[in-house]
Structures are given as C-alpha cells and as structure tokens.
C-alpha atoms as a PDB file:
ATOM      1  CA  MET A   1      23.041  16.949 -31.003  1.00  0.00           C
ATOM      2  CA  ASP A   2      24.190  13.610 -32.372  1.00  0.00           C
ATOM      3  CA  THR A   3      23.445  11.007 -29.666  1.00  0.00           C
ATOM      4  CA  ARG A   4      24.780   8.018 -31.591  1.00  0.00           C
ATOM      5  CA  PHE A   5      27.775   7.938 -29.240  1.00  0.00           C
ATOM      6  CA  LEU A   6      25.456   6.340 -26.667  1.00  0.00           C
ATOM      7  CA  GLY A   7      25.474   3.241 -28.840  1.00  0.00           C
ATOM      8  CA  GLN A   8      22.311   1.578 -27.548  1.00  0.00           C
ATOM      9  CA  PRO A   9      19.016   2.304 -25.801  1.00  0.00           C
ATOM     10  CA  HIS A  10      19.210   3.270 -22.135  1.00  0.00           C
ATOM     11  CA  GLU A  11      17.628   0.039 -20.883  1.00  0.00           C
ATOM     12  CA  TRP A  12      20.220  -2.067 -22.722  1.00  0.00           C
ATOM     13  CA  ASP A  13      23.264  -0.365 -21.196  1.00  0.00           C
ATOM     14  CA  PRO A  14      24.206  -1.585 -17.699  1.00  0.00           C
ATOM     15  CA  ARG A  15      26.285   1.575 -17.155  1.00  0.00           C
ATOM     16  CA  ARG A  16      23.302   3.892 -17.584  1.00  0.00           C
ATOM     17  CA  LEU A  17      20.908   3.959 -14.666  1.00  0.00           C
ATOM     18  CA  TYR A  18      17.902   6.083 -13.796  1.00  0.00           C
ATOM     19  CA  SER A  19      17.277   7.321 -10.274  1.00  0.00           C
ATOM     20  CA  GLN A  20      14.906   5.326  -8.065  1.00  0.00           C
ATOM     21  CA  THR A  21      12.730   8.400  -7.610  1.00  0.00           C
ATOM     22  CA  GLY A  22       9.960   9.253 -10.057  1.00  0.00           C
ATOM     23  CA  ALA A  23       9.968  12.279 -12.342  1.00  0.00           C
ATOM     24  CA  ASP A  24       7.685  13.823 -14.941  1.00  0.00           C
ATOM     25  CA  TRP A  25      10.621  15.036 -17.025  1.00  0.00           C
ATOM     26  CA  GLN A  26      12.295  11.673 -17.658  1.00  0.00           C
ATOM     27  CA  TYR A  27      10.977   8.278 -18.744  1.00  0.00           C
ATOM     28  CA  ARG A  28      12.051   6.128 -15.811  1.00  0.00           C
ATOM     29  CA  VAL A  29      10.302   3.024 -14.422  1.00  0.00           C
ATOM     30  CA  ASP A  30       6.652   3.051 -15.479  1.00  0.00           C
ATOM     31  CA  PHE A  31       4.906   0.804 -12.960  1.00  0.00           C
ATOM     32  CA  ASP A  32       1.563   0.849 -14.750  1.00  0.00           C
ATOM     33  CA  ARG A  33       3.328  -0.378 -17.878  1.00  0.00           C
ATOM     34  CA  LEU A  34       5.238  -2.935 -15.790  1.00  0.00           C
ATOM     35  CA  ARG A  35       2.027  -4.441 -14.395  1.00  0.00           C
ATOM     36  CA  LYS A  36       0.309  -4.433 -17.792  1.00  0.00           C
ATOM     37  CA  GLU A  37       3.190  -6.064 -19.669  1.00  0.00           C
ATOM     38  CA  ARG A  38       3.715  -8.735 -17.027  1.00  0.00           C
ATOM     39  CA  LEU A  39       0.070  -9.766 -17.267  1.00  0.00           C
ATOM     40  CA  GLU A  40       0.213  -9.742 -21.069  1.00  0.00           C
ATOM     41  CA  LYS A  41       3.255 -12.015 -21.012  1.00  0.00           C
ATOM     42  CA  LEU A  42       1.605 -14.343 -18.530  1.00  0.00           C
ATOM     43  CA  ARG A  43      -1.542 -14.659 -20.648  1.00  0.00           C
ATOM     44  CA  ALA A  44       0.506 -15.275 -23.790  1.00  0.00           C
ATOM     45  CA  SER A  45       2.402 -18.026 -21.991  1.00  0.00           C
ATOM     46  CA  MET A  46      -0.868 -19.558 -20.750  1.00  0.00           C
ATOM     47  CA  LYS A  47      -2.092 -19.652 -24.347  1.00  0.00           C
ATOM     48  CA  MET A  48       1.053 -21.492 -25.441  1.00  0.00           C
ATOM     49  CA  GLU A  49       0.479 -24.060 -22.686  1.00  0.00           C
ATOM     50  CA  ASP A  50      -3.245 -24.301 -23.555  1.00  0.00           C
ATOM     51  CA  LEU A  51      -4.303 -23.318 -20.036  1.00  0.00           C
ATOM     52  CA  GLY A  52      -7.729 -21.990 -19.174  1.00  0.00           C
ATOM     53  CA  ALA A  53      -6.459 -20.552 -15.895  1.00  0.00           C
ATOM     54  CA  LEU A  54      -3.629 -20.459 -13.408  1.00  0.00           C
ATOM     55  CA  VAL A  55      -3.985 -20.808  -9.645  1.00  0.00           C
ATOM     56  CA  LEU A  56      -0.878 -19.299  -8.076  1.00  0.00           C
ATOM     57  CA  PHE A  57       0.248 -20.009  -4.518  1.00  0.00           C
ATOM     58  CA  ALA A  58       3.944 -19.053  -4.777  1.00  0.00           C
ATOM     59  CA  GLY A  59       4.450 -15.514  -3.519  1.00  0.00           C
ATOM     60  CA  ALA A  60       6.660 -14.373  -6.396  1.00  0.00           C
ATOM     61  CA  ASN A  61       4.105 -15.623  -8.919  1.00  0.00           C
ATOM     62  CA  ILE A  62       1.230 -13.922  -7.085  1.00  0.00           C
ATOM     63  CA  ARG A  63       3.202 -10.699  -7.199  1.00  0.00           C
ATOM     64  CA  TYR A  64       3.943 -11.158 -10.896  1.00  0.00           C
ATOM     65  CA  ALA A  65       0.250 -11.531 -11.760  1.00  0.00           C
ATOM     66  CA  THR A  66      -1.247  -8.975  -9.358  1.00  0.00           C
ATOM     67  CA  ALA A  67       1.658  -6.729  -8.251  1.00  0.00           C
ATOM     68  CA  SER A  68       0.820  -7.427  -4.600  1.00  0.00           C
ATOM     69  CA  TYR A  69       3.473  -7.748  -1.916  1.00  0.00           C
ATOM     70  CA  GLN A  70       3.098  -7.977   1.861  1.00  0.00           C
ATOM     71  CA  GLY A  71       6.418  -9.369   3.011  1.00  0.00           C
ATOM     72  CA  ASN A  72       8.402 -12.571   2.637  1.00  0.00           C
ATOM     73  CA  TRP A  73       7.075 -14.168   5.814  1.00  0.00           C
ATOM     74  CA  LYS A  74       3.966 -15.511   4.042  1.00  0.00           C
ATOM     75  CA  TYR A  75       5.381 -15.825   0.545  1.00  0.00           C
ATOM     76  CA  ASN A  76       5.345 -19.595   0.170  1.00  0.00           C
ATOM     77  CA  ILE A  77       3.205 -21.086   2.926  1.00  0.00           C
ATOM     78  CA  ASN A  78       0.012 -21.572   0.892  1.00  0.00           C
ATOM     79  CA  ILE A  79      -2.217 -19.219   2.870  1.00  0.00           C
ATOM     80  CA  ARG A  80      -2.987 -16.847  -0.022  1.00  0.00           C
ATOM     81  CA  TYR A  81      -3.349 -17.273  -3.759  1.00  0.00           C
ATOM     82  CA  ALA A  82      -4.332 -15.651  -7.029  1.00  0.00           C
ATOM     83  CA  VAL A  83      -6.444 -16.900  -9.928  1.00  0.00           C
ATOM     84  CA  VAL A  84      -5.632 -15.767 -13.460  1.00  0.00           C
ATOM     85  CA  THR A  85      -7.809 -16.753 -16.408  1.00  0.00           C
ATOM     86  CA  HIS A  86      -7.380 -15.964 -20.076  1.00  0.00           C
ATOM     87  CA  THR A  87     -10.889 -14.459 -20.159  1.00  0.00           C
ATOM     88  CA  GLY A  88     -10.833 -12.089 -17.174  1.00  0.00           C
ATOM     89  CA  GLU A  89      -8.707 -10.022 -14.819  1.00  0.00           C
ATOM     90  CA  PRO A  90      -6.641 -11.628 -12.016  1.00  0.00           C
ATOM     91  CA  VAL A  91      -8.324 -12.115  -8.645  1.00  0.00           C
ATOM     92  CA  LEU A  92      -6.302 -12.011  -5.428  1.00  0.00           C
ATOM     93  CA  PHE A  93      -7.409 -14.145  -2.479  1.00  0.00           C
ATOM     94  CA  GLU A  94      -5.708 -12.503   0.487  1.00  0.00           C
ATOM     95  CA  THR A  95      -5.537 -13.665   4.095  1.00  0.00           C
ATOM     96  CA  ALA A  96      -8.560 -12.245   5.893  1.00  0.00           C
ATOM     97  CA  GLY A  97      -8.208  -9.390   8.338  1.00  0.00           C
ATOM     98  CA  SER A  98      -5.682  -6.570   8.256  1.00  0.00           C
ATOM     99  CA  ASP A  99      -3.762  -8.136   5.345  1.00  0.00           C
ATOM    100  CA  LEU A 100      -6.842  -8.065   3.144  1.00  0.00           C
ATOM    101  CA  HIS A 101      -7.668  -4.479   4.097  1.00  0.00           C
ATOM    102  CA  CYS A 102      -4.081  -3.386   3.480  1.00  0.00           C
ATOM    103  CA  ALA A 103      -4.276  -4.973   0.024  1.00  0.00           C
ATOM    104  CA  GLU A 104      -7.479  -3.066  -0.685  1.00  0.00           C
ATOM    105  CA  ILE A 105      -5.728   0.165   0.291  1.00  0.00           C
ATOM    106  CA  ASP A 106      -2.433  -0.544  -1.483  1.00  0.00           C
ATOM    107  CA  LEU A 107      -3.684  -2.071  -4.760  1.00  0.00           C
ATOM    108  CA  PRO A 108      -6.181   0.294  -6.424  1.00  0.00           C
ATOM    109  CA  TRP A 109      -5.591  -1.482  -9.757  1.00  0.00           C
ATOM    110  CA  MET A 110      -7.103  -4.608  -8.135  1.00  0.00           C
ATOM    111  CA  GLU A 111     -10.266  -2.837  -6.967  1.00  0.00           C
ATOM    112  CA  GLY A 112     -13.199  -5.243  -6.738  1.00  0.00           C
ATOM    113  CA  ARG A 113     -10.910  -8.241  -7.261  1.00  0.00           C
ATOM    114  CA  ILE A 114      -9.548  -8.836  -3.750  1.00  0.00           C
ATOM    115  CA  ARG A 115     -11.328 -11.516  -1.737  1.00  0.00           C
ATOM    116  CA  PRO A 116     -10.688 -13.411   1.512  1.00  0.00           C
ATOM    117  CA  ALA A 117      -8.627 -16.561   1.129  1.00  0.00           C
ATOM    118  CA  ILE A 118      -9.604 -19.938   2.532  1.00  0.00           C
ATOM    119  CA  THR A 119      -6.536 -20.848   4.544  1.00  0.00           C
ATOM    120  CA  MET A 120      -5.720 -24.534   4.837  1.00  0.00           C
ATOM    121  CA  ALA A 121      -2.590 -24.300   6.971  1.00  0.00           C
ATOM    122  CA  VAL A 122      -4.504 -25.181  10.151  1.00  0.00           C
ATOM    123  CA  GLY A 123      -5.180 -28.285  12.264  1.00  0.00           C
ATOM    124  CA  ARG A 124      -5.602 -31.673  10.632  1.00  0.00           C
ATOM    125  CA  ARG A 125      -9.407 -31.855  10.851  1.00  0.00           C
ATOM    126  CA  ARG A 126      -9.968 -28.250   9.837  1.00  0.00           C
ATOM    127  CA  CYS A 127      -7.368 -28.634   7.090  1.00  0.00           C
ATOM    128  CA  ALA A 128      -9.508 -31.275   5.372  1.00  0.00           C
ATOM    129  CA  LEU A 129     -12.682 -29.211   5.753  1.00  0.00           C
ATOM    130  CA  HIS A 130     -11.026 -26.094   4.442  1.00  0.00           C
ATOM    131  CA  GLY A 131      -9.541 -28.051   1.561  1.00  0.00           C
ATOM    132  CA  ARG A 132     -12.974 -29.168   0.379  1.00  0.00           C
ATOM    133  CA  ALA A 133     -14.361 -25.645   0.709  1.00  0.00           C
ATOM    134  CA  HIS A 134     -11.359 -24.322  -1.189  1.00  0.00           C
ATOM    135  CA  GLY A 135     -11.900 -26.790  -4.029  1.00  0.00           C
ATOM    136  CA  ARG A 136     -15.591 -25.896  -4.343  1.00  0.00           C
ATOM    137  CA  LYS A 137     -14.790 -22.202  -4.348  1.00  0.00           C
ATOM    138  CA  ARG A 138     -12.195 -22.589  -7.088  1.00  0.00           C
ATOM    139  CA  ARG A 139     -14.641 -24.694  -9.117  1.00  0.00           C
ATOM    140  CA  ARG A 140     -17.268 -21.927  -8.905  1.00  0.00           C
ATOM    141  CA  ARG A 141     -14.694 -19.367  -9.933  1.00  0.00           C
ATOM    142  CA  MET A 142     -13.708 -21.431 -12.972  1.00  0.00           C
ATOM    143  CA  LYS A 143     -17.363 -21.807 -13.969  1.00  0.00           C
ATOM    144  CA  GLU A 144     -17.903 -18.062 -13.666  1.00  0.00           C
ATOM    145  CA  GLN A 145     -15.025 -17.472 -16.059  1.00  0.00           C
ATOM    146  CA  GLY A 146     -16.088 -20.231 -18.446  1.00  0.00           C
ATOM    147  CA  VAL A 147     -12.899 -22.279 -18.037  1.00  0.00           C
ATOM    148  CA  ALA A 148     -14.059 -25.111 -15.738  1.00  0.00           C
ATOM    149  CA  LYS A 149     -13.579 -27.709 -18.496  1.00  0.00           C
ATOM    150  CA  GLU A 150     -10.168 -26.441 -19.557  1.00  0.00           C
ATOM    151  CA  LYS A 151      -6.744 -27.287 -18.149  1.00  0.00           C
ATOM    152  CA  ILE A 152      -5.916 -25.435 -14.950  1.00  0.00           C
ATOM    153  CA  GLY A 153      -2.256 -24.851 -14.111  1.00  0.00           C
ATOM    154  CA  ILE A 154      -1.152 -24.894 -10.469  1.00  0.00           C
ATOM    155  CA  ASP A 155       2.297 -23.671  -9.420  1.00  0.00           C
ATOM    156  CA  ASN A 156       2.480 -25.035  -5.858  1.00  0.00           C
ATOM    157  CA  PHE A 157       0.397 -27.471  -3.835  1.00  0.00           C
ATOM    158  CA  ASP A 158      -0.027 -28.941  -0.391  1.00  0.00           C
ATOM    159  CA  MET A 159      -1.739 -32.315  -0.092  1.00  0.00           C
ATOM    160  CA  PRO A 160      -5.151 -31.073   1.157  1.00  0.00           C
ATOM    161  CA  SER A 161      -5.333 -28.684  -1.793  1.00  0.00           C
ATOM    162  CA  LEU A 162      -4.379 -31.424  -4.241  1.00  0.00           C
ATOM    163  CA  GLU A 163      -7.041 -33.770  -2.891  1.00  0.00           C
ATOM    164  CA  ALA A 164      -9.657 -31.000  -2.918  1.00  0.00           C
ATOM    165  CA  PHE A 165      -8.949 -30.056  -6.529  1.00  0.00           C
ATOM    166  CA  GLN A 166      -8.953 -33.675  -7.664  1.00  0.00           C
ATOM    167  CA  LYS A 167     -12.398 -34.245  -6.147  1.00  0.00           C
ATOM    168  CA  THR A 168     -13.887 -31.333  -8.088  1.00  0.00           C
ATOM    169  CA  GLY A 169     -12.978 -32.913 -11.416  1.00  0.00           C
ATOM    170  CA  ILE A 170     -10.818 -29.947 -12.450  1.00  0.00           C
ATOM    171  CA  LYS A 171      -8.112 -30.875 -14.973  1.00  0.00           C
ATOM    172  CA  ILE A 172      -4.965 -30.049 -13.019  1.00  0.00           C
ATOM    173  CA  VAL A 173      -1.596 -29.629 -14.725  1.00  0.00           C
ATOM    174  CA  ASN A 174       1.788 -28.210 -13.780  1.00  0.00           C
ATOM    175  CA  GLY A 175       1.562 -24.418 -14.008  1.00  0.00           C
ATOM    176  CA  TRP A 176       5.258 -23.679 -13.552  1.00  0.00           C
ATOM    177  CA  PRO A 177       6.260 -23.935 -17.236  1.00  0.00           C
ATOM    178  CA  ALA A 178       3.780 -21.205 -18.188  1.00  0.00           C
ATOM    179  CA  VAL A 179       4.854 -18.917 -15.353  1.00  0.00           C
ATOM    180  CA  SER A 180       8.566 -19.515 -15.930  1.00  0.00           C
ATOM    181  CA  ARG A 181       8.261 -18.800 -19.649  1.00  0.00           C
ATOM    182  CA  ALA A 182       6.552 -15.484 -18.895  1.00  0.00           C
ATOM    183  CA  ARG A 183       9.088 -14.433 -16.288  1.00  0.00           C
ATOM    184  CA  VAL A 184      12.302 -15.441 -18.055  1.00  0.00           C
ATOM    185  CA  VAL A 185      12.215 -12.611 -20.635  1.00  0.00           C
ATOM    186  CA  LYS A 186      12.312  -9.261 -18.846  1.00  0.00           C
ATOM    187  CA  THR A 187      10.438  -6.122 -19.826  1.00  0.00           C
ATOM    188  CA  ARG A 188      12.068  -2.710 -20.152  1.00  0.00           C
ATOM    189  CA  ASP A 189      10.941  -1.741 -16.657  1.00  0.00           C
ATOM    190  CA  GLU A 190      12.050  -5.036 -15.117  1.00  0.00           C
ATOM    191  CA  ILE A 191      15.520  -4.551 -16.590  1.00  0.00           C
ATOM    192  CA  GLU A 192      15.722  -1.057 -15.123  1.00  0.00           C
ATOM    193  CA  LEU A 193      14.698  -2.360 -11.693  1.00  0.00           C
ATOM    194  CA  LEU A 194      17.287  -5.148 -11.926  1.00  0.00           C
ATOM    195  CA  LYS A 195      19.953  -2.573 -12.729  1.00  0.00           C
ATOM    196  CA  GLN A 196      18.903  -0.532  -9.711  1.00  0.00           C
ATOM    197  CA  ALA A 197      19.012  -3.576  -7.436  1.00  0.00           C
ATOM    198  CA  SER A 198      22.437  -4.543  -8.796  1.00  0.00           C
ATOM    199  CA  SER A 199      23.827  -1.052  -8.265  1.00  0.00           C
ATOM    200  CA  ILE A 200      22.639  -1.097  -4.639  1.00  0.00           C
ATOM    201  CA  GLY A 201      24.362  -4.465  -4.166  1.00  0.00           C
ATOM    202  CA  ASP A 202      27.563  -3.191  -5.803  1.00  0.00           C
ATOM    203  CA  ALA A 203      27.604  -0.126  -3.557  1.00  0.00           C
ATOM    204  CA  ALA A 204      27.065  -2.247  -0.431  1.00  0.00           C
ATOM    205  CA  MET A 205      29.893  -4.629  -1.387  1.00  0.00           C
ATOM    206  CA  TRP A 206      32.239  -1.684  -2.003  1.00  0.00           C
ATOM    207  CA  LYS A 207      31.380  -0.277   1.417  1.00  0.00           C
ATOM    208  CA  ILE A 208      31.968  -3.663   3.042  1.00  0.00           C
ATOM    209  CA  LYS A 209      35.340  -4.157   1.377  1.00  0.00           C
ATOM    210  CA  TYR A 210      36.810  -0.692   1.795  1.00  0.00           C
ATOM    211  CA  GLU A 211      35.097   0.825   4.856  1.00  0.00           C
ATOM    212  CA  TRP A 212      33.247  -1.585   7.131  1.00  0.00           C
ATOM    213  CA  LEU A 213      35.297  -4.783   7.094  1.00  0.00           C
ATOM    214  CA  LYS A 214      38.051  -4.543   9.695  1.00  0.00           C
ATOM    215  CA  PRO A 215      39.660  -6.958  12.153  1.00  0.00           C
ATOM    216  CA  GLY A 216      37.309  -7.657  15.034  1.00  0.00           C
ATOM    217  CA  VAL A 217      34.159  -6.546  13.196  1.00  0.00           C
ATOM    218  CA  ARG A 218      31.444  -9.197  13.466  1.00  0.00           C
ATOM    219  CA  GLU A 219      29.292 -10.338  10.547  1.00  0.00           C
ATOM    220  CA  ARG A 220      26.101  -9.121  12.210  1.00  0.00           C
ATOM    221  CA  GLU A 221      27.611  -5.633  12.435  1.00  0.00           C
ATOM    222  CA  ILE A 222      28.234  -5.703   8.678  1.00  0.00           C
ATOM    223  CA  ASP A 223      24.638  -6.871   8.180  1.00  0.00           C
ATOM    224  CA  SER A 224      23.311  -3.994  10.246  1.00  0.00           C
ATOM    225  CA  GLU A 225      25.333  -1.469   8.233  1.00  0.00           C
ATOM    226  CA  SER A 226      24.256  -2.863   4.856  1.00  0.00           C
ATOM    227  CA  ALA A 227      20.599  -3.005   5.928  1.00  0.00           C
END
C-alpha cells in the first residue's frame, strides 16, 4: 500500500493522534525513550553553557531531569531538589517521609539515587542552620562527582540557599538558560503528549460551548464537569 498520502510522519501531523493507552502493536509514547532523550538534551545544553552541574529547585525542571512528580502543591517552594552533573546520573533529594518512600516506589529508574532533602522553608533560626548544612551537602556531592571547581547552574534560589552556596566557594551561575535551551525543542514523545493534552482541552471546550454552558449555570459547575 502506498502511504505517501499521509504526507508526513505521525508525530508531525496535529490531526493524527495515538490513544493515551499503551499497546504492544503500535509505537505510541515511549516513556523510557522520553526520559532518556530529555536527560541527553539537558546534558548537551549543560555542555554548551560550560556547566559542571545543575541544582534544580523548580518542580518542572526536577521532573524534566528525573521524571518525578508528586503534585503541584510543592512544585516551587524550595523543599526538594535534584542535582544533575555531566559525569553521573541525576540524584533526587525528596522531602523526607512518605514523599520519599513514594518516590522510591514510583521511580524504579532512579533506584539508589533518591535521598532525603534538607528543607530550609522553616523558622528563621533553623532556616540558617539548614542552609549551611545544605551548602555543605551540595559541596560534598560536587566533590564526589569531580565538578566542585566547575560552574554550577542554579535555576531557583531563596536567600538562605544563596548565602549557603556562596560560603562554600561554589561557582554559582544562572542555570535557567541551560534548562530552557533543553526544554524548548520537543522530542517525538513530548510532541505526542502535547497533542494528547491539546485534544483533551479541545474536547472540554466543545463540551462547555455546546452542552454545559447555559443561562444560570455557575462557573464552578463548569469546572466540576471539565475536571
């Protein structure tokens, strides 16, 4: 059969969309490939920025490097982080307790590389103490990976963390350019997931316009339907 009528590869055509479910008989989203290619892009971007490592606090960046996700509530409050070096595998520092154990259960590809985070979002006195401990711990990690004397990119900082890192003598630079460069060009699997998300949004908007939106219907009722 001549398939040239399709015109372009599946992942390039917004009208062609795989199911969200997995299958052995069709090449849909390959999550192992997704994780691998994201990390490869991140390391390539770090090399372009001449970074020895990245310390990531922003939730979306942690997910990009480690494929970990535990909800938006703690995405950008600096209580967890990940360290990515160009010489080793990413290490996730997760909030201690059930969150850490859930990560150990959910992320088998991170086995042996999930550790308790030193959380600095506490009282003023403890915040300073935790900041110093955090800085020393990061310094040891950099030494272990042989990158302590190289530039270390940070994506997001609170003041105690900044002061702690400065006292260790680590060469701190802005890590966002490296992360943004890696994330701006999407992989085949990322494009497929974006198409899926867009199709869900399109379907919800159609439902809102033609079925749910009527005089007297409150916005929260629409929200509950679309959820």
